[in-house]
Amino acid sequence: MRFKMTKPPTITIGIPAYNEQANIGHLLDSIILQSETNFALNRILVVCDGCTDETGGIARQKALLDHRIQVVDDKRRSGKLKRLEQIYAANRSDILLVLDADVFLPRRDFLQHIISGFDSFAVGLVGGHSQPVPGQSLAGKLLVGRSRVWQLIRTTYLHGNNVYNSRGCCLAMRKSFARSVHFPSDIASDSQYLYFLAIHNGWLFKFSSPAVVYYREPESLTDYSTQRTRSRSEKNLLTKYFGLEILSAYKIPVKFKIAAAFACLITSPFYTFVGVVFNFVFNYIYLPRQKFSSDGQIWHVANTTKQIIKL
């Protein structure tokens, strides 16, 4: 039986990390500074996935200042999905929030808004509002241009309550749902699988627009291609587990795309136009001709996304 929480819930934050020395300290600082009003933050669990840089050391230094921070570092490279299952199993809080290690929380009320997303006993999964920081390179600015159009599309369609806002950089879930998750060996990305698993199990997904989290788009087209190939075939693969009917969840009416493109053209005409053209060429001409390759659940790293986020 599912219960709506009648007292301030507890929350654990899980952070799987692979070579994130540039941002892990800033992320932990932004978590520690969160205002605790409608929840109790029990634990911040940093799980290092075979890091070869100073990620673990920086996290351990932060742990000396805040006892809620715990660091797991077994020196093995297992992949994000294995680390997520490790975090799910370790969770004892009412709500588990998973954040990528290369993001930043710009507002002190971020966790309040995430918790507020669980306003109904039927909500099992809540997605935050991921926004890109300005690009630094020409490629980065181009990719941010296309990303801002996409951001407006996915956050207006169905008020954001759609599969595209189930994003791995920021997902919160109820403890009972987290306990039910086990990723099949052929799944490479967590976010869409979690979305459809929640729906399949009778939960609702909710998008929290005020829960803003910053991330960095790739600063090179090579790194963008690396990111895209991670989940290129994921949509069709997921039909194996949830049926062909899930394909309808990916369809967004054209009017939302047109409205978003025109809105972004007004504020940033050059990078919006170039970004939209690039997106079409890359996804509908270049990418279909490329042979998909994967190392299973061990991702190829897009290094430029790990650069420090400067506000």
Foldseek 3Di string as FASTA:
>chain_A
DFDQDPAQWEEEEEEEDAQQVQFQLQAVVLQVLADDDRHHYQAYEYEYQLHPDCNQVSQVVVCVVPVRYDYHCPNHHDFDQVSLLVVLVPDDTQKYKYAYSQKHFPDNCLVVLQVVQSVDSQAFKEFEQEAEDAADAPQQNLQNLQVQLVSQLCCPFVNNQALVRQDNRIMMGGSVLSVPDDDDQQQQDDRSLSQLVSVVVRGGYYYRHVNYMYFGDFNDVVLVVLVCLSCVPVVVVCCVPRNPVCVVRPDGDVVSSVVSLVVSCVVPVPSNVSSVVVVCCCNPPVVVVDDRDDPGRHGDHRVRRSHHDDD
